[in-house]
Amino acid sequence: MYLVVCLVCLIISIPGFISKSGEPWWKGIIPIVNIYYFLKGLKLSPILLMVLALGLICLPDRLLILTIMCIFFPFIVTDAYGHGKIVGLLGLIFPMLIYLWLAYISGVYTYEEKKQ
């Protein structure tokens, strides 16, 4: 039940994350598209994502890969939205509160592209 609550809070917070990264908020409502723009805003490597996806599909230790992803994900999100490791640790413990807080209240997107 805890995992479902955390997932629902992450889904609710995705439009806020996407709008802070410079995209229109309505792209956060469309399934699959919202995940693409959210991960694009986090500046994650497509090669890394493909390796992780193939690992989740092909390897027998899927739970290990998923656990590693769930441990590092809050730290990536809090770094992208202007907070440090303490908030990342809180995001690991209380993701349902921290993701909503970062998306709609306190987070400021820090991965702006430098214009030349």
N, C-alpha and C. Protein backbone atom coordinates (compact mmCIF):
# COMPACT_ATOMS: atom_id res chain seq x y z
N MET A 1 0.82 -1.20 0.00
CA MET A 1 0.00 0.00 0.00
C MET A 1 0.87 1.26 0.00
N TYR A 2 1.98 1.23 0.75
CA TYR A 2 2.89 2.36 0.81
C TYR A 2 3.46 2.69 -0.56
N LEU A 3 3.83 1.65 -1.30
CA LEU A 3 4.39 1.83 -2.63
C LEU A 3 3.37 2.47 -3.58
N VAL A 4 2.11 2.08 -3.45
CA VAL A 4 1.06 2.65 -4.29
C VAL A 4 0.86 4.14 -3.98
N VAL A 5 0.88 4.49 -2.70
CA VAL A 5 0.74 5.90 -2.30
C VAL A 5 1.91 6.72 -2.84
N CYS A 6 3.12 6.19 -2.75
CA CYS A 6 4.30 6.89 -3.28
C CYS A 6 4.20 7.07 -4.79
N LEU A 7 3.74 6.06 -5.49
CA LEU A 7 3.60 6.15 -6.94
C LEU A 7 2.54 7.17 -7.34
N VAL A 8 1.43 7.19 -6.63
CA VAL A 8 0.37 8.16 -6.92
C VAL A 8 0.86 9.58 -6.68
N CYS A 9 1.60 9.81 -5.61
CA CYS A 9 2.14 11.14 -5.34
C CYS A 9 3.16 11.57 -6.40
N LEU A 10 3.95 10.63 -6.89
CA LEU A 10 4.89 10.96 -7.96
C LEU A 10 4.14 11.32 -9.24
N ILE A 11 3.08 10.58 -9.55
CA ILE A 11 2.29 10.87 -10.75
C ILE A 11 1.61 12.23 -10.64
N ILE A 12 1.13 12.57 -9.46
CA ILE A 12 0.50 13.88 -9.25
C ILE A 12 1.52 15.00 -9.38
N SER A 13 2.76 14.75 -8.98
CA SER A 13 3.76 15.81 -9.00
C SER A 13 4.46 15.98 -10.35
N ILE A 14 4.32 15.05 -11.27
CA ILE A 14 5.01 15.15 -12.56
C ILE A 14 4.63 16.41 -13.35
N PRO A 15 3.34 16.83 -13.45
CA PRO A 15 3.07 18.10 -14.16
C PRO A 15 3.78 19.30 -13.54
N GLY A 16 3.94 19.33 -12.23
CA GLY A 16 4.67 20.42 -11.59
C GLY A 16 6.15 20.40 -11.94
N PHE A 17 6.74 19.21 -11.95
CA PHE A 17 8.15 19.09 -12.33
C PHE A 17 8.36 19.52 -13.78
N ILE A 18 7.47 19.10 -14.65
CA ILE A 18 7.62 19.42 -16.08
C ILE A 18 7.44 20.91 -16.32
N SER A 19 6.48 21.53 -15.65
CA SER A 19 6.29 22.97 -15.86
C SER A 19 7.47 23.78 -15.32
N LYS A 20 8.12 23.32 -14.25
CA LYS A 20 9.30 24.03 -13.74
C LYS A 20 10.50 23.87 -14.64
N SER A 21 10.54 22.79 -15.45
CA SER A 21 11.68 22.60 -16.34
C SER A 21 11.51 23.33 -17.67
N GLY A 22 10.40 24.08 -17.85
CA GLY A 22 10.26 24.91 -19.04
C GLY A 22 9.29 24.37 -20.08
N GLU A 23 8.72 23.24 -19.87
CA GLU A 23 7.74 22.68 -20.81
C GLU A 23 6.34 23.06 -20.33
N PRO A 24 5.33 23.01 -21.22
CA PRO A 24 3.96 23.27 -20.78
C PRO A 24 3.48 22.20 -19.79
N TRP A 25 2.70 22.60 -18.80
CA TRP A 25 2.27 21.70 -17.73
C TRP A 25 1.40 20.57 -18.26
N TRP A 26 0.65 20.80 -19.35
CA TRP A 26 -0.28 19.78 -19.83
C TRP A 26 0.45 18.56 -20.40
N LYS A 27 1.74 18.69 -20.71
CA LYS A 27 2.50 17.52 -21.15
C LYS A 27 2.73 16.55 -20.00
N GLY A 28 2.52 17.00 -18.78
CA GLY A 28 2.64 16.14 -17.62
C GLY A 28 1.42 15.28 -17.37
N ILE A 29 0.34 15.53 -18.08
CA ILE A 29 -0.88 14.76 -17.89
C ILE A 29 -0.95 13.58 -18.84
N ILE A 30 -0.35 13.69 -20.00
CA ILE A 30 -0.42 12.64 -21.03
C ILE A 30 0.49 11.47 -20.64
N PRO A 31 -0.07 10.26 -20.53
CA PRO A 31 0.78 9.11 -20.16
C PRO A 31 1.88 8.86 -21.19
N ILE A 32 2.97 8.32 -20.77
CA ILE A 32 4.19 8.03 -21.52
C ILE A 32 4.92 9.32 -21.90
N VAL A 33 4.22 10.31 -22.41
CA VAL A 33 4.84 11.59 -22.75
C VAL A 33 5.36 12.26 -21.49
N ASN A 34 4.59 12.15 -20.39
CA ASN A 34 5.02 12.79 -19.15
C ASN A 34 6.31 12.18 -18.62
N ILE A 35 6.46 10.89 -18.76
CA ILE A 35 7.69 10.23 -18.31
C ILE A 35 8.88 10.69 -19.16
N TYR A 36 8.65 10.80 -20.48
CA TYR A 36 9.71 11.25 -21.39
C TYR A 36 10.19 12.65 -21.00
N TYR A 37 9.27 13.60 -20.83
CA TYR A 37 9.66 14.96 -20.51
C TYR A 37 10.23 15.09 -19.10
N PHE A 38 9.74 14.27 -18.18
CA PHE A 38 10.28 14.30 -16.83
C PHE A 38 11.73 13.82 -16.82
N LEU A 39 12.01 12.70 -17.49
CA LEU A 39 13.38 12.20 -17.55
C LEU A 39 14.28 13.10 -18.39
N LYS A 40 13.71 13.74 -19.41
CA LYS A 40 14.46 14.70 -20.20
C LYS A 40 14.86 15.90 -19.34
N GLY A 41 13.97 16.32 -18.46
CA GLY A 41 14.27 17.42 -17.55
C GLY A 41 15.32 17.07 -16.52
N LEU A 42 15.43 15.79 -16.19
CA LEU A 42 16.45 15.35 -15.23
C LEU A 42 17.80 15.14 -15.88
N LYS A 43 17.88 15.28 -17.21
CA LYS A 43 19.12 15.12 -17.97
C LYS A 43 19.75 13.74 -17.78
N LEU A 44 18.91 12.71 -17.77
CA LEU A 44 19.42 11.35 -17.67
C LEU A 44 19.82 10.86 -19.06
N SER A 45 20.88 10.10 -19.13
CA SER A 45 21.40 9.59 -20.39
C SER A 45 20.45 8.54 -20.97
N PRO A 46 20.11 8.65 -22.25
CA PRO A 46 19.24 7.65 -22.87
C PRO A 46 19.88 6.26 -22.88
N ILE A 47 21.20 6.19 -22.97
CA ILE A 47 21.87 4.90 -22.96
C ILE A 47 21.71 4.23 -21.60
N LEU A 48 21.87 5.01 -20.53
CA LEU A 48 21.66 4.48 -19.19
C LEU A 48 20.23 3.97 -19.01
N LEU A 49 19.28 4.72 -19.52
CA LEU A 49 17.88 4.30 -19.39
C LEU A 49 17.61 3.02 -20.18
N MET A 50 18.22 2.89 -21.37
CA MET A 50 18.02 1.66 -22.14
C MET A 50 18.64 0.47 -21.44
N VAL A 51 19.83 0.65 -20.86
CA VAL A 51 20.47 -0.44 -20.13
C VAL A 51 19.63 -0.87 -18.93
N LEU A 52 19.11 0.11 -18.19
CA LEU A 52 18.26 -0.22 -17.05
C LEU A 52 16.97 -0.91 -17.49
N ALA A 53 16.38 -0.43 -18.57
CA ALA A 53 15.14 -1.05 -19.07
C ALA A 53 15.40 -2.47 -19.54
N LEU A 54 16.51 -2.69 -20.25
CA LEU A 54 16.84 -4.05 -20.68
C LEU A 54 17.14 -4.94 -19.49
N GLY A 55 17.77 -4.37 -18.46
CA GLY A 55 18.03 -5.13 -17.25
C GLY A 55 16.75 -5.53 -16.55
N LEU A 56 15.77 -4.62 -16.54
CA LEU A 56 14.48 -4.95 -15.93
C LEU A 56 13.72 -5.99 -16.73
N ILE A 57 13.94 -6.03 -18.03
CA ILE A 57 13.23 -6.99 -18.87
C ILE A 57 13.93 -8.35 -18.88
N CYS A 58 15.24 -8.36 -19.02
CA CYS A 58 15.96 -9.60 -19.30
C CYS A 58 16.58 -10.30 -18.09
N LEU A 59 17.03 -9.57 -17.12
CA LEU A 59 17.76 -10.19 -16.02
C LEU A 59 16.83 -10.84 -15.00
N PRO A 60 17.27 -11.93 -14.40
CA PRO A 60 16.42 -12.56 -13.38
C PRO A 60 16.37 -11.79 -12.06
N ASP A 61 17.34 -10.90 -11.83
CA ASP A 61 17.36 -10.10 -10.60
C ASP A 61 16.73 -8.74 -10.82
N ARG A 62 15.48 -8.72 -11.28
CA ARG A 62 14.79 -7.47 -11.57
C ARG A 62 14.59 -6.64 -10.31
N LEU A 63 14.33 -7.29 -9.21
CA LEU A 63 14.08 -6.57 -7.98
C LEU A 63 15.33 -5.82 -7.50
N LEU A 64 16.50 -6.37 -7.73
CA LEU A 64 17.74 -5.69 -7.36
C LEU A 64 17.92 -4.41 -8.17
N ILE A 65 17.70 -4.46 -9.46
CA ILE A 65 17.84 -3.28 -10.32
C ILE A 65 16.80 -2.24 -9.95
N LEU A 66 15.57 -2.66 -9.71
CA LEU A 66 14.52 -1.74 -9.33
C LEU A 66 14.82 -1.08 -7.98
N THR A 67 15.37 -1.84 -7.06
CA THR A 67 15.74 -1.29 -5.76
C THR A 67 16.85 -0.25 -5.90
N ILE A 68 17.84 -0.53 -6.71
CA ILE A 68 18.92 0.43 -6.93
C ILE A 68 18.38 1.72 -7.57
N MET A 69 17.47 1.57 -8.53
CA MET A 69 16.87 2.74 -9.16
C MET A 69 16.07 3.56 -8.14
N CYS A 70 15.32 2.90 -7.29
CA CYS A 70 14.51 3.61 -6.29
C CYS A 70 15.36 4.29 -5.23
N ILE A 71 16.56 3.78 -4.99
CA ILE A 71 17.44 4.42 -4.00
C ILE A 71 18.07 5.68 -4.58
N PHE A 72 18.50 5.66 -5.84
CA PHE A 72 19.19 6.81 -6.41
C PHE A 72 18.25 7.87 -6.97
N PHE A 73 17.03 7.52 -7.31
CA PHE A 73 16.10 8.45 -7.96
C PHE A 73 15.80 9.70 -7.13
N PRO A 74 15.51 9.60 -5.82
CA PRO A 74 15.25 10.84 -5.06
C PRO A 74 16.44 11.80 -5.04
N PHE A 75 17.66 11.27 -5.04
CA PHE A 75 18.83 12.14 -5.04
C PHE A 75 18.99 12.86 -6.38
N ILE A 76 18.65 12.20 -7.48
CA ILE A 76 18.70 12.83 -8.80
C ILE A 76 17.66 13.93 -8.90
N VAL A 77 16.45 13.65 -8.43
CA VAL A 77 15.37 14.65 -8.50
C VAL A 77 15.68 15.86 -7.63
N THR A 78 16.13 15.63 -6.41
CA THR A 78 16.42 16.78 -5.53
C THR A 78 17.61 17.60 -6.04
N ASP A 79 18.56 16.97 -6.69
CA ASP A 79 19.67 17.72 -7.28
C ASP A 79 19.19 18.57 -8.45
N ALA A 80 18.30 18.03 -9.26
CA ALA A 80 17.79 18.77 -10.42
C ALA A 80 16.93 19.96 -10.01
N TYR A 81 16.29 19.88 -8.85
CA TYR A 81 15.40 20.95 -8.43
C TYR A 81 15.96 21.75 -7.26
N GLY A 82 17.28 21.82 -7.16
CA GLY A 82 17.95 22.78 -6.33
C GLY A 82 18.10 22.48 -4.85
N HIS A 83 18.06 21.23 -4.47
CA HIS A 83 18.25 20.88 -3.07
C HIS A 83 19.35 19.84 -2.96
N GLY A 84 19.85 19.64 -1.76
CA GLY A 84 21.02 18.79 -1.56
C GLY A 84 20.70 17.38 -1.13
N LYS A 85 21.71 16.77 -0.54
CA LYS A 85 21.65 15.36 -0.17
C LYS A 85 20.72 15.09 1.02
N ILE A 86 20.55 16.06 1.89
CA ILE A 86 19.65 15.88 3.04
C ILE A 86 18.21 15.76 2.55
N VAL A 87 17.81 16.62 1.62
CA VAL A 87 16.46 16.53 1.07
C VAL A 87 16.32 15.26 0.24
N GLY A 88 17.40 14.82 -0.41
CA GLY A 88 17.38 13.55 -1.13
C GLY A 88 17.15 12.38 -0.20
N LEU A 89 17.78 12.42 0.97
CA LEU A 89 17.56 11.38 1.96
C LEU A 89 16.13 11.41 2.49
N LEU A 90 15.60 12.60 2.71
CA LEU A 90 14.20 12.72 3.10
C LEU A 90 13.27 12.23 1.99
N GLY A 91 13.67 12.47 0.73
CA GLY A 91 12.90 11.97 -0.40
C GLY A 91 12.92 10.46 -0.49
N LEU A 92 13.98 9.86 -0.02
CA LEU A 92 14.05 8.40 0.02
C LEU A 92 13.14 7.85 1.12
N ILE A 93 13.04 8.56 2.23
CA ILE A 93 12.22 8.09 3.35
C ILE A 93 10.76 8.48 3.18
N PHE A 94 10.50 9.73 2.79
CA PHE A 94 9.14 10.24 2.64
C PHE A 94 8.90 10.78 1.23
N PRO A 95 8.91 9.93 0.21
CA PRO A 95 8.77 10.45 -1.16
C PRO A 95 7.43 11.12 -1.43
N MET A 96 6.38 10.66 -0.75
CA MET A 96 5.07 11.23 -1.02
C MET A 96 4.99 12.70 -0.62
N LEU A 97 5.76 13.11 0.35
CA LEU A 97 5.76 14.51 0.76
C LEU A 97 6.78 15.34 -0.01
N ILE A 98 7.97 14.81 -0.17
CA ILE A 98 9.07 15.56 -0.78
C ILE A 98 8.81 15.84 -2.26
N TYR A 99 8.30 14.85 -3.02
CA TYR A 99 8.05 15.09 -4.44
C TYR A 99 6.99 16.17 -4.65
N LEU A 100 5.92 16.13 -3.87
CA LEU A 100 4.89 17.16 -3.99
C LEU A 100 5.43 18.53 -3.56
N TRP A 101 6.25 18.54 -2.52
CA TRP A 101 6.86 19.79 -2.04
C TRP A 101 7.79 20.38 -3.10
N LEU A 102 8.62 19.55 -3.73
CA LEU A 102 9.53 20.04 -4.76
C LEU A 102 8.78 20.50 -6.01
N ALA A 103 7.72 19.77 -6.37
CA ALA A 103 7.02 20.07 -7.62
C ALA A 103 6.18 21.34 -7.54
N TYR A 104 5.56 21.57 -6.41
CA TYR A 104 4.60 22.67 -6.36
C TYR A 104 4.95 23.79 -5.38
N ILE A 105 5.91 23.60 -4.49
CA ILE A 105 6.17 24.64 -3.50
C ILE A 105 7.60 25.19 -3.59
N SER A 106 8.60 24.35 -3.35
CA SER A 106 9.93 24.87 -3.10
C SER A 106 10.94 24.67 -4.23
N GLY A 107 10.75 23.67 -5.05
CA GLY A 107 11.80 23.34 -6.01
C GLY A 107 11.98 24.39 -7.10
N VAL A 108 13.23 24.67 -7.43
CA VAL A 108 13.58 25.56 -8.52
C VAL A 108 14.47 24.76 -9.46
N TYR A 109 14.08 24.68 -10.72
CA TYR A 109 14.82 23.87 -11.68
C TYR A 109 16.20 24.47 -11.91
N THR A 110 17.25 23.67 -11.73
CA THR A 110 18.61 24.20 -11.81
C THR A 110 19.39 23.71 -13.01
N TYR A 111 18.82 22.86 -13.84
CA TYR A 111 19.56 22.33 -15.00
C TYR A 111 19.27 23.13 -16.26
N GLU A 112 19.19 24.43 -16.16
CA GLU A 112 18.92 25.26 -17.32
C GLU A 112 20.04 25.13 -18.34
N GLU A 113 19.67 25.07 -19.61
CA GLU A 113 20.67 25.01 -20.66
C GLU A 113 21.29 26.38 -20.85
N LYS A 114 22.59 26.40 -21.02
CA LYS A 114 23.30 27.66 -21.20
C LYS A 114 23.17 28.11 -22.65
N LYS A 115 22.65 29.31 -22.84
CA LYS A 115 22.48 29.84 -24.19
C LYS A 115 23.74 30.61 -24.57
N GLN A 116 24.18 30.38 -25.80
CA GLN A 116 25.42 31.00 -26.26
C GLN A 116 25.15 32.24 -27.06
